[in-house]
C-alpha cells in the first residue's frame, strides 16, 4: 500500500513540475511591461486628424485582428466568344481589420455582387489562364469592392481579396 502512495505522489510531483516549468518557460510569471499606447490615425491636409476618420488605439507589439467575409454564393459567369462560350466559377473572400465592415458588406451585397458579375463577365479566357491575369483580376476585384464600400463607408474598408475557388471551363 505504501508503494502505491509513493508512486502516486511521485507522479503528481512530476506533473506539477512539468506544468510549472511550462508556465515559467512561456513567460506566465513575467511581469507585464507598462502598456504603451500607439496611436494610428488618418491625417487631413493640415496635418490634423481627418473628419469622420476613426483613431485606432493599439498597444505596442499588438497585431491587428483580421476578419474575413466570404461572399456567398459563389460567382458563376459565362464569358468569351459566342461561338464557344466559357464558364468561370469563383469564390471570393475579402479581409478587413474592422469588424463593422462585415456588416456593411452584408448590407450592400447586391451592389457588390452586381459590380463583380459585370467585371467577371468582361474577362478573356486567355488572360485568366496566366498567373498575371489572375493577379490582375484580383486587383480589379479589390478595387470594385473598395469603390462600393467607399461610397457607403467612406474609407478603405478592406485590405485584400482572395479567390478561394477558381474554376474555368
C-alpha atoms as a PDB file:
ATOM      1  CA  UNK A   1       0.000   0.000   0.000  1.00  0.00           C
ATOM      2  CA  UNK A   2       2.895   2.335   0.802  1.00  0.00           C
ATOM      3  CA  UNK A   3       4.351   1.647  -2.647  1.00  0.00           C
ATOM      4  CA  UNK A   4       1.168   2.840  -4.359  1.00  0.00           C
ATOM      5  CA  UNK A   5       1.073   6.042  -2.300  1.00  0.00           C
ATOM      6  CA  UNK A   6       4.730   6.770  -3.076  1.00  0.00           C
ATOM      7  CA  UNK A   7       4.158   6.176  -6.811  1.00  0.00           C
ATOM      8  CA  UNK A   8       1.052   8.439  -6.863  1.00  0.00           C
ATOM      9  CA  UNK A   9       2.896  11.234  -5.014  1.00  0.00           C
ATOM     10  CA  UNK A  10       5.876  10.921  -7.385  1.00  0.00           C
ATOM     11  CA  UNK A  11       3.600  11.120 -10.448  1.00  0.00           C
ATOM     12  CA  UNK A  12       1.803  14.174  -9.026  1.00  0.00           C
ATOM     13  CA  UNK A  13       5.149  15.869  -8.329  1.00  0.00           C
ATOM     14  CA  UNK A  14       6.342  15.171 -11.874  1.00  0.00           C
ATOM     15  CA  UNK A  15       3.115  16.506 -13.400  1.00  0.00           C
ATOM     16  CA  UNK A  16       3.222  19.587 -11.163  1.00  0.00           C
ATOM     17  CA  UNK A  17       6.867  20.174 -12.071  1.00  0.00           C
ATOM     18  CA  UNK A  18       6.096  19.865 -15.771  1.00  0.00           C
ATOM     19  CA  UNK A  19       3.219  22.358 -15.506  1.00  0.00           C
ATOM     20  CA  UNK A  20       5.375  24.781 -13.510  1.00  0.00           C
ATOM     21  CA  UNK A  21       8.257  24.512 -15.981  1.00  0.00           C
ATOM     22  CA  UNK A  22       5.895  25.093 -18.907  1.00  0.00           C
ATOM     23  CA  UNK A  23       4.399  28.192 -17.295  1.00  0.00           C
ATOM     24  CA  UNK A  24       7.859  29.517 -16.434  1.00  0.00           C
ATOM     25  CA  UNK A  25       9.248  28.964 -19.931  1.00  0.00           C
ATOM     26  CA  UNK A  26       6.239  30.549 -21.646  1.00  0.00           C
ATOM     27  CA  UNK A  27       6.600  33.676 -19.531  1.00  0.00           C
ATOM     28  CA  UNK A  28       3.436  33.310 -17.473  1.00  0.00           C
ATOM     29  CA  UNK A  29       5.290  34.515 -14.363  1.00  0.00           C
ATOM     30  CA  UNK A  30       6.909  37.527 -16.057  1.00  0.00           C
ATOM     31  CA  UNK A  31       5.691  40.960 -15.061  1.00  0.00           C
ATOM     32  CA  UNK A  32       3.823  42.708 -17.833  1.00  0.00           C
ATOM     33  CA  UNK A  33       5.565  45.880 -19.068  1.00  0.00           C
ATOM     34  CA  UNK A  34       3.626  49.115 -18.789  1.00  0.00           C
ATOM     35  CA  UNK A  35       1.142  49.385 -21.631  1.00  0.00           C
ATOM     36  CA  UNK A  36       2.339  51.806 -24.229  1.00  0.00           C
ATOM     37  CA  UNK A  37      -0.406  53.123 -26.459  1.00  0.00           C
ATOM     38  CA  UNK A  38       0.424  53.673 -30.079  1.00  0.00           C
ATOM     39  CA  UNK A  39      -1.983  55.873 -31.971  1.00  0.00           C
ATOM     40  CA  UNK A  40      -2.746  55.277 -35.592  1.00  0.00           C
ATOM     41  CA  UNK A  41      -4.822  57.984 -37.246  1.00  0.00           C
ATOM     42  CA  UNK A  42      -5.660  59.317 -40.652  1.00  0.00           C
ATOM     43  CA  UNK A  43      -4.462  62.863 -41.079  1.00  0.00           C
ATOM     44  CA  UNK A  44      -6.172  65.603 -43.048  1.00  0.00           C
ATOM     45  CA  UNK A  45      -4.488  68.120 -45.349  1.00  0.00           C
ATOM     46  CA  UNK A  46      -3.458  70.411 -42.479  1.00  0.00           C
ATOM     47  CA  UNK A  47      -1.872  67.594 -40.511  1.00  0.00           C
ATOM     48  CA  UNK A  48      -4.949  67.340 -38.308  1.00  0.00           C
ATOM     49  CA  UNK A  49      -6.954  64.221 -37.872  1.00  0.00           C
ATOM     50  CA  UNK A  50      -9.419  63.913 -40.730  1.00  0.00           C
ATOM     51  CA  UNK A  51     -13.125  64.346 -40.053  1.00  0.00           C
ATOM     52  CA  UNK A  52     -15.061  61.148 -39.667  1.00  0.00           C
ATOM     53  CA  UNK A  53     -11.910  59.072 -39.512  1.00  0.00           C
ATOM     54  CA  UNK A  54     -11.511  56.813 -36.544  1.00  0.00           C
ATOM     55  CA  UNK A  55      -8.484  56.859 -34.337  1.00  0.00           C
ATOM     56  CA  UNK A  56      -7.396  53.303 -33.691  1.00  0.00           C
ATOM     57  CA  UNK A  57      -5.621  52.629 -30.414  1.00  0.00           C
ATOM     58  CA  UNK A  58      -3.459  49.594 -30.159  1.00  0.00           C
ATOM     59  CA  UNK A  59      -0.809  48.508 -27.751  1.00  0.00           C
ATOM     60  CA  UNK A  60       2.790  48.355 -28.855  1.00  0.00           C
ATOM     61  CA  UNK A  61       3.542  44.963 -30.395  1.00  0.00           C
ATOM     62  CA  UNK A  62      -0.140  44.105 -30.694  1.00  0.00           C
ATOM     63  CA  UNK A  63      -1.284  42.675 -34.011  1.00  0.00           C
ATOM     64  CA  UNK A  64      -4.476  43.805 -35.682  1.00  0.00           C
ATOM     65  CA  UNK A  65      -7.168  41.162 -35.789  1.00  0.00           C
ATOM     66  CA  UNK A  66      -8.159  40.164 -39.319  1.00  0.00           C
ATOM     67  CA  UNK A  67     -11.741  39.360 -40.239  1.00  0.00           C
ATOM     68  CA  UNK A  68     -12.782  37.567 -43.427  1.00  0.00           C
ATOM     69  CA  UNK A  69     -16.013  37.959 -45.349  1.00  0.00           C
ATOM     70  CA  UNK A  70     -16.792  35.019 -47.620  1.00  0.00           C
ATOM     71  CA  UNK A  71     -19.008  36.283 -50.417  1.00  0.00           C
ATOM     72  CA  UNK A  72     -21.682  33.635 -50.891  1.00  0.00           C
ATOM     73  CA  UNK A  73     -22.943  32.113 -53.093  1.00  0.00           C
ATOM     74  CA  UNK A  74     -20.007  31.687 -55.451  1.00  0.00           C
ATOM     75  CA  UNK A  75     -19.981  33.535 -58.762  1.00  0.00           C
ATOM     76  CA  UNK A  76     -20.738  31.608 -61.946  1.00  0.00           C
ATOM     77  CA  UNK A  77     -20.436  33.679 -65.122  1.00  0.00           C
ATOM     78  CA  UNK A  78     -20.192  32.945 -68.805  1.00  0.00           C
ATOM     79  CA  UNK A  79     -17.824  34.903 -71.000  1.00  0.00           C
ATOM     80  CA  UNK A  80     -15.909  34.663 -74.236  1.00  0.00           C
ATOM     81  CA  UNK A  81     -16.927  34.409 -77.875  1.00  0.00           C
ATOM     82  CA  UNK A  82     -20.490  33.435 -78.719  1.00  0.00           C
ATOM     83  CA  UNK A  83     -19.240  30.562 -80.879  1.00  0.00           C
ATOM     84  CA  UNK A  84     -17.612  28.895 -77.875  1.00  0.00           C
ATOM     85  CA  UNK A  85     -18.770  30.398 -74.571  1.00  0.00           C
ATOM     86  CA  UNK A  86     -16.697  29.709 -71.469  1.00  0.00           C
ATOM     87  CA  UNK A  87     -17.728  29.482 -67.830  1.00  0.00           C
ATOM     88  CA  UNK A  88     -15.963  30.832 -64.780  1.00  0.00           C
ATOM     89  CA  UNK A  89     -16.774  29.878 -61.195  1.00  0.00           C
ATOM     90  CA  UNK A  90     -15.204  31.969 -58.441  1.00  0.00           C
ATOM     91  CA  UNK A  91     -15.434  32.022 -54.679  1.00  0.00           C
ATOM     92  CA  UNK A  92     -14.286  35.340 -53.286  1.00  0.00           C
ATOM     93  CA  UNK A  93     -13.279  36.323 -49.748  1.00  0.00           C
ATOM     94  CA  UNK A  94     -12.264  39.767 -48.511  1.00  0.00           C
ATOM     95  CA  UNK A  95     -10.148  40.605 -45.467  1.00  0.00           C
ATOM     96  CA  UNK A  96     -10.535  43.609 -43.180  1.00  0.00           C
ATOM     97  CA  UNK A  97      -9.348  44.783 -39.785  1.00  0.00           C
ATOM     98  CA  UNK A  98     -12.678  46.441 -38.935  1.00  0.00           C
ATOM     99  CA  UNK A  99     -15.491  44.105 -37.906  1.00  0.00           C
ATOM    100  CA  UNK A 100     -18.047  46.802 -38.761  1.00  0.00           C
ATOM    101  CA  UNK A 101     -17.107  46.414 -42.437  1.00  0.00           C
ATOM    102  CA  UNK A 102     -18.539  42.877 -42.431  1.00  0.00           C
ATOM    103  CA  UNK A 103     -21.996  44.270 -41.621  1.00  0.00           C
ATOM    104  CA  UNK A 104     -21.658  46.994 -44.249  1.00  0.00           C
ATOM    105  CA  UNK A 105     -20.684  44.410 -46.864  1.00  0.00           C
ATOM    106  CA  UNK A 106     -23.752  42.327 -45.978  1.00  0.00           C
ATOM    107  CA  UNK A 107     -25.995  45.372 -46.276  1.00  0.00           C
ATOM    108  CA  UNK A 108     -24.649  46.337 -49.710  1.00  0.00           C
ATOM    109  CA  UNK A 109     -24.029  42.818 -51.044  1.00  0.00           C
ATOM    110  CA  UNK A 110     -26.450  43.175 -54.010  1.00  0.00           C
ATOM    111  CA  UNK A 111     -24.462  46.150 -55.318  1.00  0.00           C
ATOM    112  CA  UNK A 112     -21.117  44.421 -54.720  1.00  0.00           C
ATOM    113  CA  UNK A 113     -22.279  41.222 -56.454  1.00  0.00           C
ATOM    114  CA  UNK A 114     -23.673  43.180 -59.418  1.00  0.00           C
ATOM    115  CA  UNK A 115     -20.440  45.082 -59.984  1.00  0.00           C
ATOM    116  CA  UNK A 116     -18.356  41.919 -59.615  1.00  0.00           C
ATOM    117  CA  UNK A 117     -20.547  39.981 -62.068  1.00  0.00           C
ATOM    118  CA  UNK A 118     -20.078  42.764 -64.614  1.00  0.00           C
ATOM    119  CA  UNK A 119     -16.311  42.660 -64.055  1.00  0.00           C
ATOM    120  CA  UNK A 120     -16.039  38.870 -64.294  1.00  0.00           C
ATOM    121  CA  UNK A 121     -18.129  38.768 -67.484  1.00  0.00           C
ATOM    122  CA  UNK A 122     -15.672  41.023 -69.332  1.00  0.00           C
ATOM    123  CA  UNK A 123     -12.641  38.763 -68.829  1.00  0.00           C
ATOM    124  CA  UNK A 124     -10.885  36.796 -71.554  1.00  0.00           C
ATOM    125  CA  UNK A 125     -10.111  33.133 -71.025  1.00  0.00           C
ATOM    126  CA  UNK A 126      -6.606  33.509 -72.482  1.00  0.00           C
ATOM    127  CA  UNK A 127      -5.737  36.160 -69.924  1.00  0.00           C
ATOM    128  CA  UNK A 128      -7.170  34.197 -66.990  1.00  0.00           C
ATOM    129  CA  UNK A 129      -5.073  31.142 -67.859  1.00  0.00           C
ATOM    130  CA  UNK A 130      -1.966  33.068 -66.740  1.00  0.00           C
ATOM    131  CA  UNK A 131      -0.931  33.845 -63.177  1.00  0.00           C
ATOM    132  CA  UNK A 132      -0.555  37.510 -64.083  1.00  0.00           C
ATOM    133  CA  UNK A 133      -4.121  37.553 -65.387  1.00  0.00           C
ATOM    134  CA  UNK A 134      -5.451  36.085 -62.148  1.00  0.00           C
ATOM    135  CA  UNK A 135      -3.471  38.605 -60.081  1.00  0.00           C
ATOM    136  CA  UNK A 136      -4.794  41.432 -62.245  1.00  0.00           C
ATOM    137  CA  UNK A 137      -8.365  40.187 -61.799  1.00  0.00           C
ATOM    138  CA  UNK A 138      -7.780  40.001 -58.049  1.00  0.00           C
ATOM    139  CA  UNK A 139      -6.649  43.654 -58.024  1.00  0.00           C
ATOM    140  CA  UNK A 140      -9.659  44.677 -60.120  1.00  0.00           C
ATOM    141  CA  UNK A 141     -11.951  42.757 -57.758  1.00  0.00           C
ATOM    142  CA  UNK A 142     -10.426  44.555 -54.766  1.00  0.00           C
ATOM    143  CA  UNK A 143     -10.936  47.922 -56.471  1.00  0.00           C
ATOM    144  CA  UNK A 144     -14.583  47.161 -57.319  1.00  0.00           C
ATOM    145  CA  UNK A 145     -15.377  46.218 -53.713  1.00  0.00           C
ATOM    146  CA  UNK A 146     -13.446  49.230 -52.374  1.00  0.00           C
ATOM    147  CA  UNK A 147     -15.375  51.558 -54.689  1.00  0.00           C
ATOM    148  CA  UNK A 148     -18.731  50.327 -53.356  1.00  0.00           C
ATOM    149  CA  UNK A 149     -17.598  50.409 -49.724  1.00  0.00           C
ATOM    150  CA  UNK A 150     -16.068  53.892 -50.025  1.00  0.00           C
ATOM    151  CA  UNK A 151     -19.430  55.140 -51.271  1.00  0.00           C
ATOM    152  CA  UNK A 152     -21.213  53.763 -48.198  1.00  0.00           C
ATOM    153  CA  UNK A 153     -18.466  53.628 -45.554  1.00  0.00           C
ATOM    154  CA  UNK A 154     -16.180  56.479 -46.509  1.00  0.00           C
ATOM    155  CA  UNK A 155     -12.718  54.943 -46.250  1.00  0.00           C
ATOM    156  CA  UNK A 156     -10.618  51.986 -47.341  1.00  0.00           C
ATOM    157  CA  UNK A 157     -12.578  49.202 -45.743  1.00  0.00           C
ATOM    158  CA  UNK A 158     -10.907  46.022 -46.994  1.00  0.00           C
ATOM    159  CA  UNK A 159      -7.270  45.025 -47.141  1.00  0.00           C
ATOM    160  CA  UNK A 160      -7.205  42.234 -49.705  1.00  0.00           C
ATOM    161  CA  UNK A 161      -9.384  39.945 -51.763  1.00  0.00           C
ATOM    162  CA  UNK A 162      -8.721  36.234 -52.129  1.00  0.00           C
ATOM    163  CA  UNK A 163     -10.013  33.724 -54.658  1.00  0.00           C
ATOM    164  CA  UNK A 164     -10.791  30.629 -52.619  1.00  0.00           C
ATOM    165  CA  UNK A 165     -12.059  28.728 -55.648  1.00  0.00           C
ATOM    166  CA  UNK A 166     -11.220  29.450 -59.285  1.00  0.00           C
ATOM    167  CA  UNK A 167     -12.617  27.090 -61.923  1.00  0.00           C
ATOM    168  CA  UNK A 168     -12.670  27.870 -65.622  1.00  0.00           C
ATOM    169  CA  UNK A 169     -14.218  25.636 -68.266  1.00  0.00           C
END
